[in-house]
Amino acid sequence: MSALARIAATEWQDARSMRRKGLDKKQLELAGLEASSIHFRFFLLSMLTALLSTPEYIRASLEHIPGDHSRAVAKKLERQDVLYDCRKQFTFLVTEQAACSPFIPPDAMAVQLDRLASLTHLPNLRLGVLPLDTRLPGCPLNTFTVYDERLATVETTTGVMVFRDPRDIRMYLDEFAAYEERAVFGEDARERLAEWAAAFRSCIFSPGHD
């Protein structure tokens, strides 16, 4: 019965179905989840979440998907308003790979990194960076998000896994806490982001090298 309960508390959302329904519909679902949650924990392994992204970055992140993305882009940008709700608490852990993978031209990547740095000044938001030379506990495999302590979403190439079983959520909370201990925050994070932005502006960026 315990195994069945765990299966029942797990949901699979495949990418093809989400695209057929319309990417803007997924944004409405995420906005509802964000409205009903207080504490958010994002582990960003390979790219940035829309909540942190510039319009150009968002558009580039959708380029591989056929169709008109104007409504999805607009909804993603609307969702960013939640960051300024001081009743909510956000912690973002961003790997160097996620921060610096060049989805957009170098000058636009520099602006994107400037945005990350500016967001670190929000009183309800903590943004930690994990440079490539950081020795991480274990081996992170996926981007994931934990909403309060009631739901976790895990992104894969073909879709999203949604976990509601407290045991699964606890595993992701523990994993997040282990990475959080190794991340750099505040002025140290801003210095790293500024270095990466300056490298993009000089068009000599090489990931993993200062």
Protein backbone atom coordinates (compact mmCIF):
# COMPACT_ATOMS: atom_id res chain seq x y z
CA MET A 1 0.00 0.00 0.00
CA SER A 2 2.88 2.38 0.76
CA ALA A 3 4.34 1.84 -2.71
CA LEU A 4 0.94 2.44 -4.32
CA ALA A 5 0.49 5.64 -2.32
CA ARG A 6 3.86 6.85 -3.49
CA ILE A 7 3.01 6.12 -7.11
CA ALA A 8 -0.32 7.90 -6.72
CA ALA A 9 1.52 10.96 -5.40
CA THR A 10 3.75 11.12 -8.51
CA GLU A 11 2.64 12.76 -11.75
CA TRP A 12 4.28 12.76 -15.18
CA GLN A 13 3.74 15.72 -17.51
CA ASP A 14 5.17 14.95 -20.93
CA ALA A 15 6.52 17.78 -23.05
CA ARG A 16 4.59 16.84 -26.19
CA SER A 17 1.23 17.08 -24.41
CA MET A 18 2.15 20.41 -22.85
CA ARG A 19 3.08 21.79 -26.27
CA ARG A 20 -0.17 20.57 -27.82
CA LYS A 21 -2.17 22.31 -25.10
CA GLY A 22 -0.16 25.51 -25.60
CA LEU A 23 2.87 26.71 -23.71
CA ASP A 24 0.91 29.66 -22.32
CA LYS A 25 -1.42 27.18 -20.54
CA LYS A 26 1.58 25.76 -18.66
CA GLN A 27 2.51 29.29 -17.62
CA LEU A 28 -0.95 29.79 -16.12
CA GLU A 29 -0.53 26.56 -14.16
CA LEU A 30 2.86 27.69 -12.85
CA ALA A 31 1.47 31.12 -11.94
CA GLY A 32 -1.26 29.42 -9.89
CA LEU A 33 1.31 27.27 -8.11
CA GLU A 34 3.43 30.33 -7.36
CA ALA A 35 0.42 32.23 -6.04
CA SER A 36 -0.37 29.44 -3.57
CA SER A 37 3.20 28.93 -2.32
CA ILE A 38 5.35 30.90 0.11
CA HIS A 39 8.87 29.42 0.04
CA PHE A 40 10.48 28.52 -3.27
CA ARG A 41 13.74 26.65 -3.81
CA PHE A 42 15.13 26.44 -7.35
CA PHE A 43 18.17 24.38 -8.30
CA LEU A 44 19.19 25.44 -11.82
CA LEU A 45 21.63 23.02 -13.37
CA SER A 46 21.87 23.87 -17.06
CA MET A 47 19.80 26.99 -17.81
CA LEU A 48 17.93 29.78 -16.08
CA THR A 49 14.29 29.79 -15.06
CA ALA A 50 11.95 32.32 -16.67
CA LEU A 51 11.56 34.08 -13.31
CA LEU A 52 15.18 35.24 -13.61
CA SER A 53 15.37 35.72 -17.36
CA THR A 54 15.45 38.70 -19.69
CA PRO A 55 12.93 38.77 -22.57
CA GLU A 56 15.66 37.91 -25.08
CA TYR A 57 16.76 34.90 -23.03
CA ILE A 58 13.16 33.68 -22.73
CA ARG A 59 12.58 33.95 -26.46
CA ALA A 60 15.81 32.07 -27.18
CA SER A 61 14.85 29.29 -24.75
CA LEU A 62 11.75 28.58 -26.87
CA GLU A 63 13.37 28.75 -30.32
CA HIS A 64 13.62 24.96 -30.65
CA ILE A 65 9.85 24.59 -30.30
CA PRO A 66 7.79 25.25 -33.48
CA GLY A 67 5.03 27.84 -33.41
CA ASP A 68 4.18 31.33 -32.21
CA HIS A 69 5.50 31.85 -28.69
CA SER A 70 4.39 35.43 -28.12
CA ARG A 71 1.72 34.54 -25.53
CA ALA A 72 4.05 32.15 -23.69
CA VAL A 73 6.78 34.82 -23.54
CA ALA A 74 4.28 37.37 -22.23
CA LYS A 75 3.03 34.98 -19.55
CA LYS A 76 6.59 34.12 -18.48
CA LEU A 77 7.37 37.80 -18.07
CA GLU A 78 4.14 38.41 -16.14
CA ARG A 79 5.12 35.66 -13.71
CA GLN A 80 8.21 37.64 -12.70
CA ASP A 81 5.98 39.98 -10.66
CA VAL A 82 5.85 37.30 -7.97
CA LEU A 83 9.50 38.02 -7.11
CA TYR A 84 8.46 41.40 -5.72
CA ASP A 85 5.87 39.96 -3.34
CA CYS A 86 7.67 40.31 -0.01
CA ARG A 87 5.38 37.75 1.60
CA LYS A 88 7.20 35.10 -0.41
CA GLN A 89 10.76 33.80 0.00
CA PHE A 90 12.94 32.64 -2.90
CA THR A 91 16.23 30.78 -2.94
CA PHE A 92 17.87 30.18 -6.31
CA LEU A 93 20.99 28.06 -6.72
CA VAL A 94 22.55 28.70 -10.12
CA THR A 95 25.46 26.68 -11.49
CA GLU A 96 28.05 28.43 -13.63
CA GLN A 97 26.85 26.30 -16.53
CA ALA A 98 23.29 27.58 -16.09
CA ALA A 99 24.42 31.18 -15.74
CA CYS A 100 26.85 31.20 -18.64
CA SER A 101 25.62 28.81 -21.32
CA PRO A 102 25.45 31.20 -24.32
CA PHE A 103 21.83 30.90 -25.43
CA ILE A 104 21.96 34.49 -26.69
CA PRO A 105 24.70 36.77 -28.11
CA PRO A 106 27.53 37.84 -25.76
CA ASP A 107 26.23 41.37 -25.17
CA ALA A 108 22.77 40.01 -24.30
CA MET A 109 24.33 37.37 -22.02
CA ALA A 110 26.11 40.17 -20.16
CA VAL A 111 22.77 41.93 -19.65
CA GLN A 112 21.27 38.66 -18.41
CA LEU A 113 24.06 38.28 -15.86
CA ASP A 114 23.56 41.90 -14.79
CA ARG A 115 19.91 41.05 -14.12
CA LEU A 116 20.91 38.14 -11.89
CA ALA A 117 23.19 40.44 -9.92
CA SER A 118 20.49 43.08 -9.53
CA LEU A 119 17.99 40.54 -8.23
CA THR A 120 20.34 39.61 -5.37
CA HIS A 121 19.39 42.94 -3.78
CA LEU A 122 15.74 41.95 -3.31
CA PRO A 123 15.12 41.43 0.42
CA ASN A 124 13.08 38.25 -0.07
CA LEU A 125 15.40 36.61 -2.61
CA ARG A 126 18.66 34.73 -2.12
CA LEU A 127 20.64 33.85 -5.22
CA GLY A 128 23.66 31.61 -4.81
CA VAL A 129 26.08 30.66 -7.57
CA LEU A 130 28.01 27.42 -7.88
CA PRO A 131 31.17 27.99 -9.95
CA LEU A 132 32.54 25.07 -11.97
CA ASP A 133 35.41 24.65 -9.53
CA THR A 134 32.98 24.03 -6.65
CA ARG A 135 33.19 20.50 -5.32
CA LEU A 136 29.59 19.39 -5.00
CA PRO A 137 28.32 16.59 -2.77
CA GLY A 138 26.98 13.87 -5.02
CA CYS A 139 26.25 14.38 -8.71
CA PRO A 140 23.33 16.64 -9.67
CA LEU A 141 21.34 15.21 -12.57
CA ASN A 142 18.35 17.51 -13.01
CA THR A 143 16.97 20.98 -12.53
CA PHE A 144 14.35 20.89 -9.76
CA THR A 145 12.07 23.18 -7.78
CA VAL A 146 10.55 22.67 -4.32
CA TYR A 147 7.40 24.61 -3.42
CA ASP A 148 7.14 25.04 0.35
CA GLU A 149 7.49 21.46 1.62
CA ARG A 150 4.49 20.09 -0.25
CA LEU A 151 5.52 19.64 -3.87
CA ALA A 152 8.66 19.16 -5.98
CA THR A 153 9.02 19.33 -9.75
CA VAL A 154 11.93 17.77 -11.62
CA GLU A 155 12.67 18.64 -15.25
CA THR A 156 13.87 16.11 -17.79
CA THR A 157 14.40 16.26 -21.54
CA THR A 158 10.97 14.79 -22.27
CA GLY A 159 8.85 16.34 -19.54
CA VAL A 160 8.37 17.14 -15.86
CA MET A 161 7.97 14.84 -12.87
CA VAL A 162 5.77 16.15 -10.06
CA PHE A 163 6.24 14.67 -6.58
CA ARG A 164 3.83 15.11 -3.68
CA ASP A 165 4.96 12.28 -1.40
CA PRO A 166 6.68 13.81 1.68
CA ARG A 167 9.53 11.27 1.41
CA ASP A 168 10.37 12.34 -2.13
CA ILE A 169 10.11 16.01 -1.24
CA ARG A 170 12.44 15.48 1.73
CA MET A 171 15.05 13.95 -0.57
CA TYR A 172 15.02 17.04 -2.77
CA LEU A 173 15.08 19.37 0.24
CA ASP A 174 18.14 17.53 1.57
CA GLU A 175 19.85 17.64 -1.83
CA PHE A 176 19.11 21.36 -2.11
CA ALA A 177 20.49 22.04 1.37
CA ALA A 178 23.73 20.23 0.50
CA TYR A 179 24.25 22.37 -2.62
CA GLU A 180 23.23 25.52 -0.75
CA GLU A 181 26.08 24.98 1.71
CA ARG A 182 28.59 25.13 -1.18
CA ALA A 183 27.10 28.12 -3.01
CA VAL A 184 28.36 31.70 -2.73
CA PHE A 185 25.85 34.45 -1.98
CA GLY A 186 25.68 38.21 -1.59
CA GLU A 187 28.70 40.26 -2.62
CA ASP A 188 30.72 37.15 -3.49
CA ALA A 189 27.99 36.05 -5.90
CA ARG A 190 27.77 39.53 -7.42
CA GLU A 191 31.53 39.56 -7.98
CA ARG A 192 31.37 36.25 -9.83
CA LEU A 193 28.44 37.41 -11.95
CA ALA A 194 30.23 40.67 -12.74
CA GLU A 195 33.36 38.76 -13.83
CA TRP A 196 31.32 36.55 -16.15
CA ALA A 197 29.42 39.54 -17.56
CA ALA A 198 32.68 41.40 -18.21
CA ALA A 199 34.07 38.37 -20.01
CA PHE A 200 31.03 38.22 -22.26
CA ARG A 201 31.35 41.93 -22.98
CA SER A 202 34.95 41.41 -24.03
CA CYS A 203 33.87 38.36 -26.09
CA ILE A 204 36.61 36.17 -24.61
CA PHE A 205 34.48 34.10 -22.26
CA SER A 206 35.65 30.56 -21.65
CA PRO A 207 33.52 28.63 -19.10
CA GLY A 208 35.45 27.60 -16.02
CA HIS A 209 38.19 30.18 -16.39
CA ASP A 210 38.41 33.55 -14.64
